[in-house]
N, C-alpha and C. Protein backbone atom coordinates (compact mmCIF):
# COMPACT_ATOMS: atom_id res chain seq x y z
N MET A 1 0.77 -1.19 0.00
CA MET A 1 0.00 0.00 0.00
C MET A 1 0.82 1.27 0.00
N PRO A 2 2.09 1.27 0.34
CA PRO A 2 2.79 2.55 0.23
C PRO A 2 3.08 2.90 -1.23
N LEU A 3 2.97 4.18 -1.50
CA LEU A 3 3.45 4.73 -2.75
C LEU A 3 4.61 5.64 -2.37
N VAL A 4 5.78 5.34 -2.91
CA VAL A 4 7.00 6.06 -2.51
C VAL A 4 7.49 6.91 -3.67
N ARG A 5 7.73 8.17 -3.37
CA ARG A 5 8.33 9.09 -4.34
C ARG A 5 9.68 9.50 -3.79
N ILE A 6 10.70 9.30 -4.61
CA ILE A 6 12.07 9.62 -4.21
C ILE A 6 12.60 10.64 -5.21
N ASP A 7 13.04 11.79 -4.70
CA ASP A 7 13.52 12.87 -5.55
C ASP A 7 14.94 13.24 -5.16
N LEU A 8 15.77 13.48 -6.18
CA LEU A 8 17.16 13.88 -5.97
C LEU A 8 17.65 14.67 -7.17
N ARG A 9 18.78 15.34 -6.97
CA ARG A 9 19.38 16.08 -8.08
C ARG A 9 19.95 15.13 -9.11
N LYS A 10 19.94 15.57 -10.36
CA LYS A 10 20.52 14.77 -11.44
C LYS A 10 22.00 14.55 -11.19
N GLY A 11 22.48 13.41 -11.70
CA GLY A 11 23.90 13.16 -11.64
C GLY A 11 24.30 11.83 -11.02
N LYS A 12 23.37 11.17 -10.37
CA LYS A 12 23.67 9.87 -9.77
C LYS A 12 23.36 8.78 -10.79
N ASP A 13 24.12 7.69 -10.74
CA ASP A 13 23.89 6.62 -11.72
C ASP A 13 22.70 5.75 -11.33
N ALA A 14 22.29 4.91 -12.27
CA ALA A 14 21.12 4.06 -12.08
C ALA A 14 21.26 3.14 -10.87
N ALA A 15 22.45 2.61 -10.66
CA ALA A 15 22.67 1.70 -9.52
C ALA A 15 22.43 2.43 -8.20
N PHE A 16 22.87 3.67 -8.11
CA PHE A 16 22.67 4.49 -6.91
C PHE A 16 21.17 4.67 -6.66
N ARG A 17 20.44 5.03 -7.70
CA ARG A 17 18.99 5.25 -7.56
C ARG A 17 18.28 3.96 -7.18
N GLN A 18 18.65 2.86 -7.80
CA GLN A 18 18.02 1.57 -7.48
C GLN A 18 18.31 1.16 -6.03
N GLU A 19 19.50 1.46 -5.55
CA GLU A 19 19.86 1.12 -4.17
C GLU A 19 19.04 1.94 -3.18
N ILE A 20 18.80 3.20 -3.48
CA ILE A 20 17.92 3.99 -2.61
C ILE A 20 16.55 3.32 -2.54
N GLY A 21 16.00 2.96 -3.68
CA GLY A 21 14.69 2.30 -3.70
C GLY A 21 14.68 1.02 -2.90
N ARG A 22 15.73 0.22 -3.03
CA ARG A 22 15.79 -1.04 -2.28
C ARG A 22 15.83 -0.80 -0.77
N ILE A 23 16.63 0.17 -0.36
CA ILE A 23 16.76 0.47 1.07
C ILE A 23 15.44 0.96 1.65
N VAL A 24 14.75 1.83 0.94
CA VAL A 24 13.45 2.32 1.42
C VAL A 24 12.46 1.16 1.50
N TYR A 25 12.44 0.30 0.49
CA TYR A 25 11.55 -0.87 0.50
C TYR A 25 11.86 -1.78 1.69
N ASP A 26 13.13 -2.08 1.92
CA ASP A 26 13.50 -2.93 3.05
C ASP A 26 13.08 -2.31 4.37
N ALA A 27 13.22 -1.00 4.50
CA ALA A 27 12.81 -0.31 5.73
C ALA A 27 11.31 -0.41 5.93
N LEU A 28 10.55 -0.28 4.85
CA LEU A 28 9.09 -0.42 4.95
C LEU A 28 8.70 -1.83 5.39
N ILE A 29 9.36 -2.83 4.84
CA ILE A 29 9.10 -4.22 5.25
C ILE A 29 9.39 -4.38 6.74
N SER A 30 10.45 -3.73 7.21
CA SER A 30 10.84 -3.88 8.62
C SER A 30 9.82 -3.31 9.60
N VAL A 31 8.93 -2.44 9.12
CA VAL A 31 7.89 -1.89 10.01
C VAL A 31 6.51 -2.45 9.68
N GLY A 32 6.46 -3.57 8.94
CA GLY A 32 5.22 -4.28 8.76
C GLY A 32 4.51 -4.15 7.43
N VAL A 33 5.10 -3.46 6.47
CA VAL A 33 4.49 -3.40 5.14
C VAL A 33 4.64 -4.78 4.49
N PRO A 34 3.60 -5.27 3.83
CA PRO A 34 3.68 -6.60 3.22
C PRO A 34 4.76 -6.68 2.12
N GLU A 35 5.40 -7.83 2.03
CA GLU A 35 6.35 -8.05 0.95
C GLU A 35 5.64 -7.96 -0.39
N LYS A 36 6.34 -7.59 -1.41
CA LYS A 36 5.87 -7.40 -2.79
C LYS A 36 5.03 -6.14 -2.95
N ASP A 37 4.78 -5.42 -1.87
CA ASP A 37 4.02 -4.18 -1.94
C ASP A 37 5.01 -3.05 -2.22
N ARG A 38 5.50 -3.03 -3.46
CA ARG A 38 6.55 -2.07 -3.84
C ARG A 38 6.09 -1.27 -5.05
N PHE A 39 5.82 0.01 -4.79
CA PHE A 39 5.46 0.95 -5.83
C PHE A 39 6.27 2.22 -5.58
N GLN A 40 7.24 2.49 -6.45
CA GLN A 40 8.17 3.59 -6.24
C GLN A 40 8.36 4.39 -7.53
N LEU A 41 8.47 5.68 -7.37
CA LEU A 41 8.82 6.59 -8.46
C LEU A 41 10.09 7.31 -8.05
N ILE A 42 11.14 7.16 -8.83
CA ILE A 42 12.41 7.80 -8.52
C ILE A 42 12.66 8.84 -9.61
N SER A 43 12.77 10.10 -9.20
CA SER A 43 12.91 11.20 -10.16
C SER A 43 14.14 12.02 -9.87
N GLU A 44 14.81 12.39 -10.95
CA GLU A 44 15.97 13.27 -10.85
C GLU A 44 15.57 14.65 -11.36
N HIS A 45 16.19 15.67 -10.79
CA HIS A 45 15.85 17.05 -11.12
C HIS A 45 17.10 17.87 -11.38
N GLU A 46 17.00 18.81 -12.32
CA GLU A 46 18.05 19.80 -12.52
C GLU A 46 18.11 20.66 -11.26
N ALA A 47 19.24 21.30 -11.03
CA ALA A 47 19.42 22.13 -9.83
C ALA A 47 18.33 23.20 -9.71
N ASP A 48 17.91 23.80 -10.83
CA ASP A 48 16.91 24.86 -10.76
C ASP A 48 15.51 24.33 -10.51
N GLY A 49 15.34 23.03 -10.50
CA GLY A 49 14.04 22.42 -10.21
C GLY A 49 14.05 21.59 -8.94
N PHE A 50 15.10 21.76 -8.15
CA PHE A 50 15.23 21.00 -6.89
C PHE A 50 15.67 21.99 -5.82
N LEU A 51 14.72 22.67 -5.26
CA LEU A 51 14.99 23.78 -4.35
C LEU A 51 14.74 23.36 -2.91
N PHE A 52 15.63 23.81 -2.02
CA PHE A 52 15.47 23.49 -0.61
C PHE A 52 16.28 24.48 0.21
N ASP A 53 15.91 24.63 1.47
CA ASP A 53 16.66 25.48 2.38
C ASP A 53 17.80 24.65 2.96
N ALA A 54 19.00 25.13 2.79
CA ALA A 54 20.19 24.37 3.20
C ALA A 54 20.35 24.27 4.71
N ASP A 55 19.64 25.08 5.48
CA ASP A 55 19.85 25.08 6.93
C ASP A 55 18.57 25.13 7.75
N TYR A 56 17.44 24.75 7.18
CA TYR A 56 16.18 24.78 7.92
C TYR A 56 16.26 23.92 9.17
N LEU A 57 15.78 24.45 10.29
CA LEU A 57 15.79 23.81 11.61
C LEU A 57 17.21 23.48 12.10
N GLY A 58 18.21 24.21 11.57
CA GLY A 58 19.58 24.00 12.00
C GLY A 58 20.23 22.73 11.46
N ILE A 59 19.61 22.13 10.45
CA ILE A 59 20.16 20.93 9.83
C ILE A 59 20.80 21.35 8.51
N HIS A 60 22.11 21.18 8.38
CA HIS A 60 22.81 21.61 7.16
C HIS A 60 22.70 20.55 6.07
N ARG A 61 22.05 20.93 4.99
CA ARG A 61 21.86 20.03 3.84
C ARG A 61 22.79 20.41 2.71
N THR A 62 23.19 19.41 1.93
CA THR A 62 24.04 19.64 0.77
C THR A 62 23.25 19.32 -0.50
N ASN A 63 23.91 19.44 -1.63
CA ASN A 63 23.27 19.11 -2.90
C ASN A 63 23.02 17.61 -3.07
N ASP A 64 23.45 16.80 -2.11
CA ASP A 64 23.17 15.36 -2.12
C ASP A 64 21.83 15.03 -1.46
N LEU A 65 21.06 16.06 -1.11
CA LEU A 65 19.76 15.85 -0.47
C LEU A 65 18.90 14.86 -1.27
N VAL A 66 18.27 13.95 -0.55
CA VAL A 66 17.30 13.01 -1.12
C VAL A 66 15.99 13.26 -0.37
N ILE A 67 14.92 13.51 -1.13
CA ILE A 67 13.60 13.73 -0.53
C ILE A 67 12.76 12.48 -0.80
N ILE A 68 12.26 11.90 0.28
CA ILE A 68 11.48 10.66 0.19
C ILE A 68 10.09 10.95 0.75
N GLN A 69 9.08 10.77 -0.07
CA GLN A 69 7.70 10.93 0.38
C GLN A 69 6.99 9.59 0.28
N ILE A 70 6.41 9.18 1.38
CA ILE A 70 5.74 7.88 1.46
C ILE A 70 4.27 8.12 1.78
N THR A 71 3.40 7.69 0.88
CA THR A 71 1.96 7.73 1.12
C THR A 71 1.56 6.32 1.52
N TRP A 72 0.94 6.20 2.69
CA TRP A 72 0.55 4.87 3.18
C TRP A 72 -0.69 4.98 4.04
N ASN A 73 -1.21 3.82 4.46
CA ASN A 73 -2.42 3.79 5.27
C ASN A 73 -2.17 4.39 6.64
N GLU A 74 -3.17 5.09 7.14
CA GLU A 74 -3.08 5.64 8.49
C GLU A 74 -3.14 4.51 9.52
N GLY A 75 -2.70 4.83 10.73
CA GLY A 75 -2.86 3.88 11.82
C GLY A 75 -1.57 3.39 12.45
N ARG A 76 -0.44 3.77 11.91
CA ARG A 76 0.81 3.31 12.52
C ARG A 76 1.17 4.21 13.71
N THR A 77 1.87 3.63 14.64
CA THR A 77 2.25 4.36 15.85
C THR A 77 3.43 5.28 15.57
N SER A 78 3.63 6.21 16.48
CA SER A 78 4.79 7.10 16.40
C SER A 78 6.08 6.29 16.46
N ALA A 79 6.10 5.25 17.27
CA ALA A 79 7.30 4.40 17.37
C ALA A 79 7.60 3.71 16.04
N GLN A 80 6.58 3.24 15.34
CA GLN A 80 6.79 2.61 14.03
C GLN A 80 7.34 3.63 13.03
N LYS A 81 6.83 4.84 13.07
CA LYS A 81 7.31 5.88 12.17
C LYS A 81 8.76 6.23 12.47
N GLN A 82 9.08 6.36 13.74
CA GLN A 82 10.46 6.65 14.14
C GLN A 82 11.40 5.53 13.69
N ALA A 83 10.96 4.29 13.83
CA ALA A 83 11.76 3.15 13.39
C ALA A 83 11.98 3.19 11.89
N LEU A 84 10.96 3.59 11.14
CA LEU A 84 11.09 3.70 9.69
C LEU A 84 12.11 4.77 9.32
N TYR A 85 12.00 5.95 9.93
CA TYR A 85 12.95 7.03 9.63
C TYR A 85 14.39 6.57 9.90
N LYS A 86 14.57 5.91 11.03
CA LYS A 86 15.92 5.45 11.41
C LYS A 86 16.43 4.39 10.44
N ALA A 87 15.57 3.43 10.09
CA ALA A 87 15.99 2.36 9.18
C ALA A 87 16.40 2.93 7.81
N ILE A 88 15.65 3.90 7.32
CA ILE A 88 15.99 4.52 6.04
C ILE A 88 17.30 5.27 6.15
N ALA A 89 17.42 6.12 7.16
CA ALA A 89 18.64 6.93 7.32
C ALA A 89 19.87 6.05 7.54
N ASP A 90 19.75 5.03 8.39
CA ASP A 90 20.88 4.14 8.63
C ASP A 90 21.25 3.36 7.37
N GLY A 91 20.24 2.88 6.66
CA GLY A 91 20.50 2.11 5.45
C GLY A 91 21.17 2.94 4.36
N LEU A 92 20.69 4.17 4.15
CA LEU A 92 21.29 5.03 3.13
C LEU A 92 22.70 5.46 3.52
N ARG A 93 22.93 5.65 4.81
CA ARG A 93 24.27 6.00 5.29
C ARG A 93 25.24 4.84 5.07
N THR A 94 24.82 3.66 5.47
CA THR A 94 25.69 2.49 5.38
C THR A 94 25.97 2.09 3.93
N ALA A 95 24.93 2.01 3.13
CA ALA A 95 25.09 1.48 1.76
C ALA A 95 25.63 2.50 0.77
N LEU A 96 25.24 3.77 0.95
CA LEU A 96 25.58 4.77 -0.07
C LEU A 96 26.41 5.94 0.46
N GLY A 97 26.66 5.95 1.75
CA GLY A 97 27.44 7.03 2.32
C GLY A 97 26.72 8.36 2.40
N LEU A 98 25.40 8.33 2.29
CA LEU A 98 24.65 9.59 2.40
C LEU A 98 24.67 10.09 3.84
N ARG A 99 24.82 11.37 3.99
CA ARG A 99 24.75 11.98 5.32
C ARG A 99 23.31 11.96 5.80
N ARG A 100 23.10 11.70 7.08
CA ARG A 100 21.75 11.68 7.64
C ARG A 100 21.07 13.04 7.45
N GLU A 101 21.86 14.10 7.46
CA GLU A 101 21.32 15.45 7.26
C GLU A 101 20.73 15.63 5.86
N ASP A 102 21.14 14.80 4.93
CA ASP A 102 20.70 14.90 3.55
C ASP A 102 19.55 13.93 3.21
N ILE A 103 18.87 13.45 4.24
CA ILE A 103 17.76 12.52 4.03
C ILE A 103 16.51 13.15 4.64
N PHE A 104 15.62 13.57 3.79
CA PHE A 104 14.37 14.25 4.16
C PHE A 104 13.24 13.26 3.88
N ILE A 105 12.43 12.97 4.90
CA ILE A 105 11.35 11.99 4.76
C ILE A 105 10.03 12.64 5.15
N ASN A 106 9.01 12.44 4.34
CA ASN A 106 7.67 12.94 4.61
C ASN A 106 6.69 11.79 4.48
N LEU A 107 5.86 11.60 5.50
CA LEU A 107 4.82 10.57 5.46
C LEU A 107 3.47 11.22 5.21
N VAL A 108 2.70 10.65 4.31
CA VAL A 108 1.33 11.08 4.04
C VAL A 108 0.43 9.90 4.37
N GLU A 109 -0.46 10.08 5.33
CA GLU A 109 -1.33 8.99 5.75
C GLU A 109 -2.72 9.16 5.15
N VAL A 110 -3.24 8.07 4.60
CA VAL A 110 -4.56 8.10 3.97
C VAL A 110 -5.42 6.95 4.50
N LYS A 111 -6.70 7.06 4.32
CA LYS A 111 -7.61 5.97 4.68
C LYS A 111 -7.46 4.83 3.67
N LYS A 112 -7.71 3.61 4.11
CA LYS A 112 -7.53 2.43 3.27
C LYS A 112 -8.37 2.48 1.99
N GLU A 113 -9.55 3.07 2.05
CA GLU A 113 -10.41 3.08 0.87
C GLU A 113 -9.92 4.02 -0.23
N ASN A 114 -8.83 4.74 0.02
CA ASN A 114 -8.31 5.68 -0.97
C ASN A 114 -7.32 5.05 -1.95
N TRP A 115 -7.33 3.73 -2.06
CA TRP A 115 -6.42 3.04 -2.97
C TRP A 115 -7.20 2.19 -3.97
N SER A 116 -6.75 2.19 -5.20
CA SER A 116 -7.18 1.20 -6.18
C SER A 116 -5.91 0.69 -6.85
N PHE A 117 -5.65 -0.58 -6.72
CA PHE A 117 -4.43 -1.17 -7.28
C PHE A 117 -4.65 -1.71 -8.69
N GLY A 118 -5.84 -1.48 -9.23
CA GLY A 118 -6.16 -1.92 -10.58
C GLY A 118 -7.60 -2.38 -10.68
N ASN A 119 -8.06 -2.52 -11.90
CA ASN A 119 -9.40 -3.01 -12.20
C ASN A 119 -10.51 -2.10 -11.73
N GLY A 120 -10.19 -0.85 -11.37
CA GLY A 120 -11.23 0.08 -10.92
C GLY A 120 -11.89 -0.32 -9.63
N ILE A 121 -11.16 -1.06 -8.78
CA ILE A 121 -11.71 -1.57 -7.53
C ILE A 121 -10.87 -1.03 -6.38
N ALA A 122 -11.54 -0.63 -5.30
CA ALA A 122 -10.86 -0.22 -4.06
C ALA A 122 -10.64 -1.47 -3.23
N GLN A 123 -9.52 -2.14 -3.46
CA GLN A 123 -9.25 -3.45 -2.87
C GLN A 123 -9.29 -3.46 -1.34
N TYR A 124 -8.93 -2.34 -0.70
CA TYR A 124 -8.90 -2.30 0.76
C TYR A 124 -10.18 -1.75 1.39
N ALA A 125 -11.14 -1.32 0.57
CA ALA A 125 -12.39 -0.76 1.12
C ALA A 125 -13.20 -1.88 1.77
N SER A 126 -13.81 -1.56 2.89
CA SER A 126 -14.63 -2.59 3.55
C SER A 126 -16.06 -2.18 3.61
């Protein structure tokens, strides 16, 4: 059920982008998302189309910033969300050397009936 959008500046190779996707997927699995539930859009942007404040909230960001937006079902606890943020940040740091300061994550929670995975049917609606 998660739909993941990953945005970064142009210039990274395909393997780098695929590894980000894998790490985010693994982190989602670790907090209870079903296996095979992988829907991701990875987009690269020119510098003039990828704008951010380099020091918002006292966190210094570089041009290696990765923005990850996850739309998923509502109902997870704050502890599960914190575990997800940590798993993503730790995984990207370990596998790709990304600084934790350069990992921006946004969760969008929706009701289960707001999904159709195909066939014009709301598979999760009850």
